[in-house]
Amino acid sequence: MNGTPAPVTGTWVHAFEEDTPAEAVYRPEGHPLPPARRPRRRLEFRADGTLTERRPAPDDRLAEREGRWERRGPGRVAVAFPGGHGAPVAVSVSSAGDRLVVER
């Protein structure tokens, strides 16, 4: 981790209106998003390399799963969830730090 947090640290909220078939788009918590009928997925990246994903469960509450992230170059990280709970994914952050993209 080099002791320096990557620009990915913090909480990101799924802006599904901006998704494409190849990527899911997230915005920093506090970024203005339109109202949504369903809860929005959230990713919380911590400086220690851990993360929490909060995603809508069948009852519309947010279910949590823990994972890890590590830097893979400027503005890029890899995310993995232990115990076979999801395949590793690549994540990139815009140079302005206002858009996080998860590759599908």
C-alpha atoms as a PDB file:
ATOM      1  CA  MET A   1       0.000   0.000   0.000  1.00  0.00           C
ATOM      2  CA  ASN A   2       3.022   2.316   0.332  1.00  0.00           C
ATOM      3  CA  GLY A   3       1.332   4.070   3.288  1.00  0.00           C
ATOM      4  CA  THR A   4      -0.319   6.626   0.985  1.00  0.00           C
ATOM      5  CA  PRO A   5      -4.047   6.336   0.382  1.00  0.00           C
ATOM      6  CA  ALA A   6      -4.999   6.117  -3.287  1.00  0.00           C
ATOM      7  CA  PRO A   7      -7.569   8.622  -4.536  1.00  0.00           C
ATOM      8  CA  VAL A   8     -10.121   5.831  -4.278  1.00  0.00           C
ATOM      9  CA  THR A   9     -10.448   6.048  -0.471  1.00  0.00           C
ATOM     10  CA  GLY A  10     -13.827   7.153   0.802  1.00  0.00           C
ATOM     11  CA  THR A  11     -17.420   6.179   0.083  1.00  0.00           C
ATOM     12  CA  TRP A  12     -18.704   5.937  -3.484  1.00  0.00           C
ATOM     13  CA  VAL A  13     -22.377   5.724  -4.506  1.00  0.00           C
ATOM     14  CA  HIS A  14     -23.615   3.851  -7.597  1.00  0.00           C
ATOM     15  CA  ALA A  15     -24.809   6.308 -10.268  1.00  0.00           C
ATOM     16  CA  PHE A  16     -26.564   3.591 -12.290  1.00  0.00           C
ATOM     17  CA  GLU A  17     -27.968   6.215 -14.663  1.00  0.00           C
ATOM     18  CA  GLU A  18     -24.411   6.614 -16.012  1.00  0.00           C
ATOM     19  CA  ASP A  19     -23.668   2.878 -16.420  1.00  0.00           C
ATOM     20  CA  THR A  20     -22.707   1.362 -19.752  1.00  0.00           C
ATOM     21  CA  PRO A  21     -22.719  -2.324 -20.718  1.00  0.00           C
ATOM     22  CA  ALA A  22     -18.966  -2.434 -19.926  1.00  0.00           C
ATOM     23  CA  GLU A  23     -18.806  -0.360 -16.725  1.00  0.00           C
ATOM     24  CA  ALA A  24     -20.642   0.557 -13.549  1.00  0.00           C
ATOM     25  CA  VAL A  25     -20.199   4.199 -12.535  1.00  0.00           C
ATOM     26  CA  TYR A  26     -19.922   5.466  -8.960  1.00  0.00           C
ATOM     27  CA  ARG A  27     -19.751   9.037  -7.638  1.00  0.00           C
ATOM     28  CA  PRO A  28     -18.315  10.295  -4.327  1.00  0.00           C
ATOM     29  CA  GLU A  29     -20.773  10.340  -1.442  1.00  0.00           C
ATOM     30  CA  GLY A  30     -22.395  13.780  -1.419  1.00  0.00           C
ATOM     31  CA  HIS A  31     -22.356  14.127  -5.227  1.00  0.00           C
ATOM     32  CA  PRO A  32     -25.837  15.210  -6.387  1.00  0.00           C
ATOM     33  CA  LEU A  33     -27.756  12.238  -7.823  1.00  0.00           C
ATOM     34  CA  PRO A  34     -31.411  12.044  -8.822  1.00  0.00           C
ATOM     35  CA  PRO A  35     -33.842  10.274  -6.466  1.00  0.00           C
ATOM     36  CA  ALA A  36     -34.046   6.512  -6.954  1.00  0.00           C
ATOM     37  CA  ARG A  37     -36.796   4.007  -6.126  1.00  0.00           C
ATOM     38  CA  ARG A  38     -34.274   1.418  -4.949  1.00  0.00           C
ATOM     39  CA  PRO A  39     -31.361   1.855  -2.557  1.00  0.00           C
ATOM     40  CA  ARG A  40     -28.106   2.690  -4.286  1.00  0.00           C
ATOM     41  CA  ARG A  41     -25.117   0.380  -3.949  1.00  0.00           C
ATOM     42  CA  ARG A  42     -22.174   1.853  -2.029  1.00  0.00           C
ATOM     43  CA  LEU A  43     -18.465   1.052  -1.901  1.00  0.00           C
ATOM     44  CA  GLU A  44     -16.420   2.242   1.063  1.00  0.00           C
ATOM     45  CA  PHE A  45     -12.654   2.063   0.456  1.00  0.00           C
ATOM     46  CA  ARG A  46     -10.480   2.486   3.546  1.00  0.00           C
ATOM     47  CA  ALA A  47      -6.800   3.497   3.557  1.00  0.00           C
ATOM     48  CA  ASP A  48      -5.821   0.184   5.195  1.00  0.00           C
ATOM     49  CA  GLY A  49      -6.778  -1.780   2.040  1.00  0.00           C
ATOM     50  CA  THR A  50     -10.152  -3.012   3.255  1.00  0.00           C
ATOM     51  CA  LEU A  51     -13.503  -2.173   1.749  1.00  0.00           C
ATOM     52  CA  THR A  52     -17.175  -2.689   2.443  1.00  0.00           C
ATOM     53  CA  GLU A  53     -19.703  -3.140  -0.326  1.00  0.00           C
ATOM     54  CA  ARG A  54     -23.304  -2.331   0.576  1.00  0.00           C
ATOM     55  CA  ARG A  55     -25.822  -3.606  -1.964  1.00  0.00           C
ATOM     56  CA  PRO A  56     -29.608  -3.853  -1.991  1.00  0.00           C
ATOM     57  CA  ALA A  57     -30.864  -7.134  -0.525  1.00  0.00           C
ATOM     58  CA  PRO A  58     -34.225  -8.740  -1.442  1.00  0.00           C
ATOM     59  CA  ASP A  59     -35.919  -6.750   1.343  1.00  0.00           C
ATOM     60  CA  ASP A  60     -34.407  -3.456   0.030  1.00  0.00           C
ATOM     61  CA  ARG A  61     -32.100  -3.046   3.029  1.00  0.00           C
ATOM     62  CA  LEU A  62     -28.416  -2.793   2.272  1.00  0.00           C
ATOM     63  CA  ALA A  63     -26.495  -6.040   2.789  1.00  0.00           C
ATOM     64  CA  GLU A  64     -22.756  -5.793   3.479  1.00  0.00           C
ATOM     65  CA  ARG A  65     -19.801  -7.821   2.295  1.00  0.00           C
ATOM     66  CA  GLU A  66     -16.190  -7.204   3.148  1.00  0.00           C
ATOM     67  CA  GLY A  67     -13.323  -7.235   0.690  1.00  0.00           C
ATOM     68  CA  ARG A  68      -9.832  -5.951   0.040  1.00  0.00           C
ATOM     69  CA  TRP A  69      -8.337  -3.580  -2.478  1.00  0.00           C
ATOM     70  CA  GLU A  70      -4.816  -2.813  -3.651  1.00  0.00           C
ATOM     71  CA  ARG A  71      -3.265  -0.312  -6.005  1.00  0.00           C
ATOM     72  CA  ARG A  72      -2.460  -1.383  -9.539  1.00  0.00           C
ATOM     73  CA  GLY A  73      -1.023   1.876 -10.844  1.00  0.00           C
ATOM     74  CA  PRO A  74      -2.064   5.528 -10.902  1.00  0.00           C
ATOM     75  CA  GLY A  75      -5.811   5.786 -10.433  1.00  0.00           C
ATOM     76  CA  ARG A  76      -6.339   1.998 -10.700  1.00  0.00           C
ATOM     77  CA  VAL A  77      -7.038  -0.610  -8.041  1.00  0.00           C
ATOM     78  CA  ALA A  78      -8.024  -4.263  -7.932  1.00  0.00           C
ATOM     79  CA  VAL A  79     -10.836  -5.397  -5.648  1.00  0.00           C
ATOM     80  CA  ALA A  80     -11.286  -8.955  -4.334  1.00  0.00           C
ATOM     81  CA  PHE A  81     -13.820 -10.538  -2.017  1.00  0.00           C
ATOM     82  CA  PRO A  82     -12.503 -13.459   0.070  1.00  0.00           C
ATOM     83  CA  GLY A  83     -14.256 -16.786   0.346  1.00  0.00           C
ATOM     84  CA  GLY A  84     -15.360 -16.941  -3.277  1.00  0.00           C
ATOM     85  CA  HIS A  85     -17.902 -14.136  -2.855  1.00  0.00           C
ATOM     86  CA  GLY A  86     -17.474 -12.574  -6.290  1.00  0.00           C
ATOM     87  CA  ALA A  87     -14.727 -12.441  -8.859  1.00  0.00           C
ATOM     88  CA  PRO A  88     -11.924  -9.878  -8.546  1.00  0.00           C
ATOM     89  CA  VAL A  89     -12.698  -6.643 -10.409  1.00  0.00           C
ATOM     90  CA  ALA A  90     -10.671  -3.737 -11.762  1.00  0.00           C
ATOM     91  CA  VAL A  91     -11.554  -0.218 -10.660  1.00  0.00           C
ATOM     92  CA  SER A  92     -10.356   3.123 -12.030  1.00  0.00           C
ATOM     93  CA  VAL A  93     -10.796   6.660 -10.710  1.00  0.00           C
ATOM     94  CA  SER A  94     -10.953   9.784 -12.879  1.00  0.00           C
ATOM     95  CA  SER A  95      -8.078  12.212 -12.552  1.00  0.00           C
ATOM     96  CA  ALA A  96     -10.553  14.747 -11.100  1.00  0.00           C
ATOM     97  CA  GLY A  97     -11.473  12.199  -8.412  1.00  0.00           C
ATOM     98  CA  ASP A  98     -15.196  12.577  -9.091  1.00  0.00           C
ATOM     99  CA  ARG A  99     -15.916   9.352 -10.984  1.00  0.00           C
ATOM    100  CA  LEU A 100     -15.094   5.748 -10.102  1.00  0.00           C
ATOM    101  CA  VAL A 101     -15.598   3.044 -12.736  1.00  0.00           C
ATOM    102  CA  VAL A 102     -15.949  -0.672 -12.022  1.00  0.00           C
ATOM    103  CA  GLU A 103     -15.262  -2.834 -15.059  1.00  0.00           C
ATOM    104  CA  ARG A 104     -17.859  -5.523 -15.655  1.00  0.00           C
END
